[in-house]
Amino acid sequence: MFEITWDNFVRIITVGFFAYVALVFFLRVSGKRSLTKLNAFDLVVTVALGSILATILLDSNISLLEGMASFGLLIVLQYIVTFLSVRSRKFSDFIKAEPSLLYVNGTFLEKTLKKERVSKFEVTQAVRNGGNGSMEDVQAVVLETDGSMSVISGKLGDAMKEVESKA
């Protein structure tokens, strides 16, 4: 359990180095979008890339070439999905969630909180993490497509009024 052979150590160092270089290369070629956290799909890709890297390093039955092919396949699929989502509204709607208004003008939107499985405590925690001392300082809280919460302080603009009217 606590031992490693010299051969395994050399393999991990060598394969790890080349797998890391390959991953950095693929990410540079594919562009910034490959590591964004804009929606659930992007999170899955990021986690999967980490999982592939770990598998390449730890499973001696997986060759470096197989791992690099996995990196390439995942990044190509991610590119195709993002390409289609930018060009097709239907595809984009299928892949991406819409932001959800959770709190506005002193009122928690109970229906939305239940639908999104978010508690009032989590909303108030996001408000505190955003540097606001009380809910009275906040105009709105939005659950973004990546799962983060945006806290909007100050006056409610026209765009927020439009979102509020849809909620």
N, C-alpha and C. Protein backbone atom coordinates (compact mmCIF):
# COMPACT_ATOMS: atom_id res chain seq x y z
N MET A 1 0.82 -1.20 0.00
CA MET A 1 0.00 0.00 0.00
C MET A 1 0.86 1.26 0.00
N PHE A 2 1.99 1.25 0.70
CA PHE A 2 2.82 2.45 0.80
C PHE A 2 4.12 2.33 0.00
N GLU A 3 4.18 1.35 -0.88
CA GLU A 3 5.42 1.18 -1.63
C GLU A 3 5.19 1.44 -3.10
N ILE A 4 6.26 1.80 -3.76
CA ILE A 4 6.21 2.04 -5.20
C ILE A 4 7.50 1.51 -5.79
N THR A 5 7.39 0.86 -6.91
CA THR A 5 8.59 0.35 -7.56
C THR A 5 9.26 1.47 -8.34
N TRP A 6 10.55 1.27 -8.60
CA TRP A 6 11.30 2.26 -9.35
C TRP A 6 10.70 2.42 -10.76
N ASP A 7 10.28 1.32 -11.37
CA ASP A 7 9.68 1.38 -12.70
C ASP A 7 8.39 2.20 -12.70
N ASN A 8 7.54 1.98 -11.70
CA ASN A 8 6.29 2.75 -11.60
C ASN A 8 6.57 4.23 -11.38
N PHE A 9 7.55 4.51 -10.55
CA PHE A 9 7.91 5.91 -10.28
C PHE A 9 8.37 6.61 -11.55
N VAL A 10 9.24 5.96 -12.29
CA VAL A 10 9.75 6.55 -13.54
C VAL A 10 8.61 6.71 -14.54
N ARG A 11 7.72 5.71 -14.63
CA ARG A 11 6.58 5.80 -15.53
C ARG A 11 5.68 6.98 -15.18
N ILE A 12 5.37 7.15 -13.90
CA ILE A 12 4.50 8.25 -13.47
C ILE A 12 5.13 9.60 -13.80
N ILE A 13 6.41 9.75 -13.52
CA ILE A 13 7.11 11.01 -13.81
C ILE A 13 7.14 11.27 -15.33
N THR A 14 7.50 10.28 -16.08
CA THR A 14 7.62 10.46 -17.54
C THR A 14 6.26 10.69 -18.19
N VAL A 15 5.34 9.79 -17.92
CA VAL A 15 4.00 9.92 -18.52
C VAL A 15 3.32 11.18 -18.00
N GLY A 16 3.50 11.48 -16.73
CA GLY A 16 2.91 12.70 -16.16
C GLY A 16 3.41 13.95 -16.86
N PHE A 17 4.69 14.02 -17.10
CA PHE A 17 5.27 15.17 -17.80
C PHE A 17 4.66 15.32 -19.19
N PHE A 18 4.68 14.24 -19.96
CA PHE A 18 4.18 14.31 -21.33
C PHE A 18 2.66 14.52 -21.39
N ALA A 19 1.93 13.92 -20.47
CA ALA A 19 0.48 14.11 -20.43
C ALA A 19 0.15 15.56 -20.09
N TYR A 20 0.90 16.14 -19.17
CA TYR A 20 0.68 17.54 -18.80
C TYR A 20 0.97 18.46 -19.98
N VAL A 21 2.08 18.22 -20.65
CA VAL A 21 2.44 19.02 -21.83
C VAL A 21 1.35 18.88 -22.90
N ALA A 22 0.86 17.66 -23.12
CA ALA A 22 -0.19 17.43 -24.12
C ALA A 22 -1.46 18.18 -23.73
N LEU A 23 -1.83 18.12 -22.46
CA LEU A 23 -3.05 18.80 -22.00
C LEU A 23 -2.93 20.31 -22.19
N VAL A 24 -1.80 20.88 -21.80
CA VAL A 24 -1.59 22.32 -21.99
C VAL A 24 -1.65 22.67 -23.47
N PHE A 25 -1.03 21.85 -24.32
CA PHE A 25 -1.06 22.09 -25.76
C PHE A 25 -2.51 22.07 -26.28
N PHE A 26 -3.26 21.03 -25.93
CA PHE A 26 -4.66 20.93 -26.39
C PHE A 26 -5.48 22.13 -25.90
N LEU A 27 -5.27 22.54 -24.68
CA LEU A 27 -6.03 23.67 -24.14
C LEU A 27 -5.66 24.98 -24.82
N ARG A 28 -4.39 25.16 -25.14
CA ARG A 28 -3.96 26.38 -25.84
C ARG A 28 -4.53 26.41 -27.27
N VAL A 29 -4.53 25.26 -27.94
CA VAL A 29 -5.05 25.18 -29.30
C VAL A 29 -6.56 25.39 -29.32
N SER A 30 -7.24 24.84 -28.32
CA SER A 30 -8.71 24.90 -28.32
C SER A 30 -9.26 26.25 -27.88
N GLY A 31 -8.45 27.07 -27.24
CA GLY A 31 -8.90 28.40 -26.83
C GLY A 31 -9.40 28.46 -25.41
N LYS A 32 -9.69 29.67 -24.97
CA LYS A 32 -10.08 29.93 -23.59
C LYS A 32 -11.37 29.25 -23.19
N ARG A 33 -12.26 29.05 -24.14
CA ARG A 33 -13.58 28.51 -23.84
C ARG A 33 -13.51 27.12 -23.20
N SER A 34 -12.46 26.36 -23.48
CA SER A 34 -12.35 25.00 -22.97
C SER A 34 -12.32 24.93 -21.45
N LEU A 35 -11.90 25.99 -20.78
CA LEU A 35 -11.82 25.95 -19.32
C LEU A 35 -12.77 26.92 -18.64
N THR A 36 -13.74 27.42 -19.36
CA THR A 36 -14.70 28.32 -18.72
C THR A 36 -15.65 27.54 -17.84
N LYS A 37 -16.35 28.26 -16.99
CA LYS A 37 -17.35 27.63 -16.12
C LYS A 37 -18.69 28.32 -16.37
N LEU A 38 -19.09 28.41 -17.63
CA LEU A 38 -20.30 29.14 -17.96
C LEU A 38 -21.57 28.33 -17.74
N ASN A 39 -21.47 27.00 -17.79
CA ASN A 39 -22.65 26.17 -17.59
C ASN A 39 -22.24 24.78 -17.14
N ALA A 40 -23.21 23.91 -16.92
CA ALA A 40 -22.94 22.57 -16.41
C ALA A 40 -22.08 21.76 -17.38
N PHE A 41 -22.29 21.94 -18.67
CA PHE A 41 -21.51 21.20 -19.65
C PHE A 41 -20.02 21.55 -19.52
N ASP A 42 -19.71 22.83 -19.34
CA ASP A 42 -18.32 23.24 -19.19
C ASP A 42 -17.69 22.62 -17.94
N LEU A 43 -18.46 22.53 -16.87
CA LEU A 43 -17.96 21.90 -15.65
C LEU A 43 -17.65 20.43 -15.89
N VAL A 44 -18.52 19.74 -16.60
CA VAL A 44 -18.31 18.32 -16.90
C VAL A 44 -17.02 18.14 -17.69
N VAL A 45 -16.78 18.99 -18.67
CA VAL A 45 -15.56 18.89 -19.48
C VAL A 45 -14.33 19.10 -18.61
N THR A 46 -14.35 20.09 -17.75
CA THR A 46 -13.20 20.37 -16.88
C THR A 46 -12.92 19.20 -15.95
N VAL A 47 -13.96 18.65 -15.34
CA VAL A 47 -13.78 17.50 -14.45
C VAL A 47 -13.29 16.29 -15.24
N ALA A 48 -13.84 16.07 -16.42
CA ALA A 48 -13.43 14.93 -17.24
C ALA A 48 -11.96 15.04 -17.65
N LEU A 49 -11.50 16.23 -17.98
CA LEU A 49 -10.08 16.41 -18.32
C LEU A 49 -9.20 16.02 -17.14
N GLY A 50 -9.58 16.43 -15.94
CA GLY A 50 -8.83 16.06 -14.74
C GLY A 50 -8.86 14.56 -14.50
N SER A 51 -9.99 13.96 -14.74
CA SER A 51 -10.13 12.52 -14.56
C SER A 51 -9.26 11.76 -15.56
N ILE A 52 -9.24 12.22 -16.79
CA ILE A 52 -8.39 11.58 -17.81
C ILE A 52 -6.92 11.70 -17.40
N LEU A 53 -6.50 12.87 -16.96
CA LEU A 53 -5.11 13.06 -16.54
C LEU A 53 -4.76 12.11 -15.40
N ALA A 54 -5.64 12.00 -14.41
CA ALA A 54 -5.38 11.10 -13.29
C ALA A 54 -5.31 9.65 -13.76
N THR A 55 -6.18 9.26 -14.66
CA THR A 55 -6.18 7.89 -15.17
C THR A 55 -4.89 7.59 -15.93
N ILE A 56 -4.45 8.54 -16.75
CA ILE A 56 -3.19 8.35 -17.50
C ILE A 56 -2.03 8.13 -16.52
N LEU A 57 -2.02 8.92 -15.45
CA LEU A 57 -0.92 8.84 -14.49
C LEU A 57 -0.94 7.55 -13.68
N LEU A 58 -2.11 7.11 -13.27
CA LEU A 58 -2.20 6.03 -12.29
C LEU A 58 -2.49 4.65 -12.85
N ASP A 59 -3.03 4.57 -14.05
CA ASP A 59 -3.37 3.27 -14.61
C ASP A 59 -2.33 2.89 -15.67
N SER A 60 -1.48 1.95 -15.33
CA SER A 60 -0.41 1.57 -16.25
C SER A 60 -0.94 0.83 -17.48
N ASN A 61 -2.23 0.44 -17.47
CA ASN A 61 -2.83 -0.21 -18.63
C ASN A 61 -3.25 0.80 -19.70
N ILE A 62 -3.25 2.09 -19.35
CA ILE A 62 -3.62 3.16 -20.29
C ILE A 62 -2.34 3.79 -20.81
N SER A 63 -2.17 3.77 -22.12
CA SER A 63 -0.95 4.35 -22.70
C SER A 63 -1.09 5.87 -22.79
N LEU A 64 0.05 6.50 -22.92
CA LEU A 64 0.07 7.96 -23.09
C LEU A 64 -0.70 8.35 -24.35
N LEU A 65 -0.55 7.60 -25.42
CA LEU A 65 -1.24 7.90 -26.67
C LEU A 65 -2.76 7.79 -26.51
N GLU A 66 -3.22 6.78 -25.76
CA GLU A 66 -4.65 6.65 -25.49
C GLU A 66 -5.16 7.85 -24.70
N GLY A 67 -4.38 8.29 -23.73
CA GLY A 67 -4.76 9.46 -22.94
C GLY A 67 -4.82 10.72 -23.78
N MET A 68 -3.83 10.89 -24.66
CA MET A 68 -3.81 12.07 -25.53
C MET A 68 -5.00 12.04 -26.49
N ALA A 69 -5.35 10.85 -26.98
CA ALA A 69 -6.52 10.72 -27.84
C ALA A 69 -7.79 11.09 -27.07
N SER A 70 -7.84 10.72 -25.80
CA SER A 70 -8.99 11.07 -24.95
C SER A 70 -9.08 12.58 -24.76
N PHE A 71 -7.94 13.22 -24.48
CA PHE A 71 -7.92 14.68 -24.36
C PHE A 71 -8.46 15.31 -25.64
N GLY A 72 -7.91 14.86 -26.77
CA GLY A 72 -8.29 15.42 -28.05
C GLY A 72 -9.77 15.23 -28.34
N LEU A 73 -10.29 14.02 -28.11
CA LEU A 73 -11.70 13.75 -28.35
C LEU A 73 -12.59 14.65 -27.50
N LEU A 74 -12.28 14.76 -26.23
CA LEU A 74 -13.10 15.58 -25.33
C LEU A 74 -13.08 17.05 -25.74
N ILE A 75 -11.93 17.55 -26.11
CA ILE A 75 -11.82 18.96 -26.50
C ILE A 75 -12.51 19.20 -27.84
N VAL A 76 -12.41 18.26 -28.77
CA VAL A 76 -13.11 18.40 -30.06
C VAL A 76 -14.62 18.40 -29.83
N LEU A 77 -15.11 17.48 -28.99
CA LEU A 77 -16.55 17.45 -28.68
C LEU A 77 -17.00 18.75 -28.02
N GLN A 78 -16.18 19.26 -27.11
CA GLN A 78 -16.50 20.53 -26.44
C GLN A 78 -16.55 21.65 -27.47
N TYR A 79 -15.63 21.66 -28.41
CA TYR A 79 -15.61 22.68 -29.46
C TYR A 79 -16.87 22.59 -30.31
N ILE A 80 -17.26 21.38 -30.68
CA ILE A 80 -18.46 21.19 -31.52
C ILE A 80 -19.71 21.68 -30.78
N VAL A 81 -19.82 21.31 -29.52
CA VAL A 81 -21.00 21.73 -28.74
C VAL A 81 -21.05 23.25 -28.61
N THR A 82 -19.93 23.88 -28.30
CA THR A 82 -19.94 25.34 -28.16
C THR A 82 -20.15 26.03 -29.51
N PHE A 83 -19.59 25.47 -30.58
CA PHE A 83 -19.79 26.00 -31.93
C PHE A 83 -21.28 25.98 -32.28
N LEU A 84 -21.92 24.86 -32.03
CA LEU A 84 -23.35 24.73 -32.35
C LEU A 84 -24.22 25.60 -31.44
N SER A 85 -23.83 25.71 -30.17
CA SER A 85 -24.66 26.49 -29.25
C SER A 85 -24.62 27.98 -29.56
N VAL A 86 -23.52 28.45 -30.16
CA VAL A 86 -23.42 29.86 -30.54
C VAL A 86 -24.22 30.13 -31.81
N ARG A 87 -24.38 29.12 -32.65
CA ARG A 87 -25.03 29.31 -33.94
C ARG A 87 -26.48 28.84 -34.00
N SER A 88 -26.91 28.07 -33.02
CA SER A 88 -28.28 27.55 -33.04
C SER A 88 -28.97 27.81 -31.70
N ARG A 89 -30.02 28.59 -31.75
CA ARG A 89 -30.77 28.93 -30.52
C ARG A 89 -31.37 27.68 -29.89
N LYS A 90 -31.93 26.77 -30.70
CA LYS A 90 -32.52 25.54 -30.18
C LYS A 90 -31.48 24.69 -29.47
N PHE A 91 -30.32 24.54 -30.09
CA PHE A 91 -29.25 23.75 -29.50
C PHE A 91 -28.76 24.41 -28.21
N SER A 92 -28.62 25.71 -28.25
CA SER A 92 -28.18 26.45 -27.06
C SER A 92 -29.17 26.28 -25.91
N ASP A 93 -30.45 26.35 -26.21
CA ASP A 93 -31.47 26.16 -25.17
C ASP A 93 -31.42 24.75 -24.60
N PHE A 94 -31.09 23.77 -25.45
CA PHE A 94 -31.00 22.39 -24.99
C PHE A 94 -29.80 22.20 -24.06
N ILE A 95 -28.68 22.82 -24.39
CA ILE A 95 -27.43 22.64 -23.64
C ILE A 95 -27.37 23.51 -22.38
N LYS A 96 -27.83 24.75 -22.47
CA LYS A 96 -27.63 25.72 -21.39
C LYS A 96 -28.92 26.00 -20.63
N ALA A 97 -28.74 26.24 -19.36
CA ALA A 97 -29.86 26.67 -18.52
C ALA A 97 -29.93 28.20 -18.55
N GLU A 98 -31.06 28.73 -18.18
CA GLU A 98 -31.23 30.18 -18.08
C GLU A 98 -30.95 30.61 -16.65
N PRO A 99 -30.44 31.82 -16.43
CA PRO A 99 -30.29 32.32 -15.07
C PRO A 99 -31.66 32.41 -14.39
N SER A 100 -31.68 32.26 -13.08
CA SER A 100 -32.94 32.30 -12.33
C SER A 100 -32.87 33.37 -11.24
N LEU A 101 -33.88 34.20 -11.18
CA LEU A 101 -33.99 35.23 -10.17
C LEU A 101 -34.49 34.59 -8.87
N LEU A 102 -33.71 34.71 -7.79
CA LEU A 102 -34.05 34.08 -6.51
C LEU A 102 -34.60 35.07 -5.49
N TYR A 103 -34.16 36.31 -5.60
CA TYR A 103 -34.52 37.33 -4.62
C TYR A 103 -34.58 38.66 -5.35
N VAL A 104 -35.62 39.44 -5.08
CA VAL A 104 -35.71 40.76 -5.70
C VAL A 104 -36.49 41.71 -4.78
N ASN A 105 -35.94 42.90 -4.61
CA ASN A 105 -36.59 43.97 -3.84
C ASN A 105 -37.17 43.51 -2.50
N GLY A 106 -36.37 42.79 -1.73
CA GLY A 106 -36.80 42.38 -0.40
C GLY A 106 -37.64 41.13 -0.34
N THR A 107 -37.82 40.45 -1.45
CA THR A 107 -38.69 39.27 -1.49
C THR A 107 -37.95 38.07 -2.06
N PHE A 108 -37.98 36.97 -1.31
CA PHE A 108 -37.48 35.71 -1.83
C PHE A 108 -38.54 35.12 -2.75
N LEU A 109 -38.15 34.65 -3.90
CA LEU A 109 -39.08 34.04 -4.84
C LEU A 109 -39.14 32.54 -4.53
N GLU A 110 -40.09 32.19 -3.66
CA GLU A 110 -40.20 30.85 -3.11
C GLU A 110 -40.31 29.77 -4.18
N LYS A 111 -41.11 30.02 -5.19
CA LYS A 111 -41.32 29.04 -6.25
C LYS A 111 -39.99 28.73 -6.95
N THR A 112 -39.22 29.77 -7.24
CA THR A 112 -37.94 29.59 -7.92
C THR A 112 -36.93 28.91 -7.00
N LEU A 113 -36.93 29.29 -5.72
CA LEU A 113 -36.03 28.66 -4.76
C LEU A 113 -36.27 27.14 -4.72
N LYS A 114 -37.53 26.74 -4.67
CA LYS A 114 -37.86 25.31 -4.63
C LYS A 114 -37.47 24.63 -5.94
N LYS A 115 -37.78 25.27 -7.05
CA LYS A 115 -37.46 24.68 -8.36
C LYS A 115 -35.96 24.46 -8.51
N GLU A 116 -35.17 25.43 -8.06
CA GLU A 116 -33.72 25.35 -8.20
C GLU A 116 -33.04 24.63 -7.03
N ARG A 117 -33.84 24.23 -6.02
CA ARG A 117 -33.35 23.53 -4.83
C ARG A 117 -32.29 24.35 -4.10
N VAL A 118 -32.62 25.61 -3.87
CA VAL A 118 -31.74 26.54 -3.17
C VAL A 118 -32.48 27.04 -1.94
N SER A 119 -31.79 27.11 -0.81
CA SER A 119 -32.42 27.59 0.42
C SER A 119 -32.18 29.10 0.60
N LYS A 120 -33.01 29.70 1.43
CA LYS A 120 -32.82 31.12 1.75
C LYS A 120 -31.47 31.33 2.41
N PHE A 121 -31.06 30.37 3.21
CA PHE A 121 -29.75 30.46 3.88
C PHE A 121 -28.63 30.56 2.85
N GLU A 122 -28.70 29.77 1.78
CA GLU A 122 -27.66 29.82 0.75
C GLU A 122 -27.65 31.16 0.03
N VAL A 123 -28.83 31.74 -0.17
CA VAL A 123 -28.90 33.05 -0.81
C VAL A 123 -28.29 34.11 0.11
N THR A 124 -28.64 34.08 1.38
CA THR A 124 -28.08 35.07 2.31
C THR A 124 -26.58 34.88 2.47
N GLN A 125 -26.11 33.63 2.39
CA GLN A 125 -24.67 33.37 2.45
C GLN A 125 -23.97 34.01 1.25
N ALA A 126 -24.57 33.88 0.07
CA ALA A 126 -24.00 34.50 -1.14
C ALA A 126 -23.95 36.01 -0.99
N VAL A 127 -24.97 36.57 -0.36
CA VAL A 127 -25.01 38.02 -0.14
C VAL A 127 -23.86 38.44 0.79
N ARG A 128 -23.68 37.69 1.86
CA ARG A 128 -22.58 38.00 2.79
C ARG A 128 -21.23 37.83 2.10
N ASN A 129 -21.08 36.75 1.31
CA ASN A 129 -19.82 36.54 0.60
C ASN A 129 -19.54 37.66 -0.40
N GLY A 130 -20.60 38.30 -0.88
CA GLY A 130 -20.46 39.42 -1.80
C GLY A 130 -20.14 40.73 -1.11
N GLY A 131 -20.03 40.69 0.21
CA GLY A 131 -19.64 41.89 0.96
C GLY A 131 -20.80 42.74 1.44
N ASN A 132 -22.01 42.24 1.35
CA ASN A 132 -23.17 42.99 1.82
C ASN A 132 -23.55 42.51 3.22
N GLY A 133 -23.79 43.44 4.10
CA GLY A 133 -24.10 43.10 5.48
C GLY A 133 -25.54 42.68 5.71
N SER A 134 -26.44 43.16 4.89
CA SER A 134 -27.83 42.80 5.10
C SER A 134 -28.57 42.72 3.77
N MET A 135 -29.70 42.05 3.81
CA MET A 135 -30.50 41.87 2.59
C MET A 135 -31.09 43.21 2.13
N GLU A 136 -31.20 44.17 3.02
CA GLU A 136 -31.75 45.48 2.64
C GLU A 136 -30.84 46.21 1.66
N ASP A 137 -29.54 45.84 1.65
CA ASP A 137 -28.59 46.47 0.74
C ASP A 137 -28.63 45.85 -0.66
N VAL A 138 -29.41 44.79 -0.80
CA VAL A 138 -29.42 44.01 -2.05
C VAL A 138 -30.72 44.21 -2.80
N GLN A 139 -30.58 44.43 -4.11
CA GLN A 139 -31.77 44.56 -4.95
C GLN A 139 -32.20 43.21 -5.50
N ALA A 140 -31.23 42.36 -5.85
CA ALA A 140 -31.57 41.07 -6.45
C ALA A 140 -30.43 40.08 -6.28
N VAL A 141 -30.80 38.80 -6.32
CA VAL A 141 -29.83 37.71 -6.35
C VAL A 141 -30.25 36.79 -7.49
N VAL A 142 -29.28 36.48 -8.36
CA VAL A 142 -29.55 35.65 -9.54
C VAL A 142 -28.70 34.39 -9.46
N LEU A 143 -29.33 33.24 -9.66
CA LEU A 143 -28.60 31.98 -9.79
C LEU A 143 -28.17 31.87 -11.25
N GLU A 144 -26.87 31.94 -11.47
CA GLU A 144 -26.33 31.95 -12.84
C GLU A 144 -26.28 30.53 -13.41
N THR A 145 -26.02 30.44 -14.70
CA THR A 145 -26.02 29.15 -15.38
C THR A 145 -24.89 28.24 -14.91
N ASP A 146 -23.83 28.81 -14.33
CA ASP A 146 -22.73 27.99 -13.83
C ASP A 146 -22.91 27.58 -12.38
N GLY A 147 -24.06 27.95 -11.78
CA GLY A 147 -24.34 27.58 -10.40
C GLY A 147 -23.92 28.63 -9.38
N SER A 148 -23.23 29.66 -9.81
CA SER A 148 -22.85 30.73 -8.88
C SER A 148 -24.02 31.69 -8.71
N MET A 149 -23.95 32.49 -7.67
CA MET A 149 -25.00 33.49 -7.43
C MET A 149 -24.43 34.88 -7.60
N SER A 150 -25.11 35.69 -8.40
CA SER A 150 -24.73 37.08 -8.58
C SER A 150 -25.60 37.93 -7.66
N VAL A 151 -24.95 38.81 -6.92
CA VAL A 151 -25.65 39.70 -6.00
C VAL A 151 -25.62 41.09 -6.61
N ILE A 152 -26.81 41.66 -6.79
CA ILE A 152 -26.92 42.98 -7.41
C ILE A 152 -27.33 43.98 -6.35
N SER A 153 -26.44 44.92 -6.10
CA SER A 153 -26.71 45.96 -5.11
C SER A 153 -27.02 47.26 -5.82
N GLY A 154 -27.57 48.21 -5.10
CA GLY A 154 -27.86 49.51 -5.68
C GLY A 154 -29.22 49.56 -6.33
N LYS A 155 -29.37 50.48 -7.26
CA LYS A 155 -30.67 50.68 -7.92
C LYS A 155 -30.91 49.61 -8.96
N LEU A 156 -32.15 49.24 -9.06
CA LEU A 156 -32.56 48.23 -10.01
C LEU A 156 -32.67 48.87 -11.39
N GLY A 157 -31.86 48.37 -12.35
CA GLY A 157 -31.87 48.93 -13.70
C GLY A 157 -33.02 48.36 -14.53
N ASP A 158 -33.16 48.87 -15.75
CA ASP A 158 -34.21 48.42 -16.66
C ASP A 158 -34.09 46.94 -16.97
N ALA A 159 -32.86 46.44 -17.12
CA ALA A 159 -32.69 45.01 -17.44
C ALA A 159 -33.21 44.14 -16.31
N MET A 160 -32.96 44.54 -15.07
CA MET A 160 -33.43 43.75 -13.92
C MET A 160 -34.95 43.85 -13.83
N LYS A 161 -35.52 44.98 -14.14
CA LYS A 161 -36.98 45.11 -14.11
C LYS A 161 -37.63 44.15 -15.09
N GLU A 162 -36.97 43.98 -16.26
CA GLU A 162 -37.48 43.05 -17.26
C GLU A 162 -37.39 41.62 -16.75
N VAL A 163 -36.27 41.25 -16.11
CA VAL A 163 -36.12 39.92 -15.55
C VAL A 163 -37.15 39.69 -14.46
N GLU A 164 -37.36 40.71 -13.62
CA GLU A 164 -38.32 40.61 -12.53
C GLU A 164 -39.74 40.37 -13.06
N SER A 165 -40.08 41.04 -14.14
CA SER A 165 -41.43 40.89 -14.69
C SER A 165 -41.67 39.49 -15.24
N LYS A 166 -40.59 38.81 -15.70
CA LYS A 166 -40.72 37.45 -16.21
C LYS A 166 -40.81 36.44 -15.08
N ALA A 167 -40.33 36.79 -13.89
CA ALA A 167 -40.33 35.85 -12.76
C ALA A 167 -41.70 35.81 -12.20
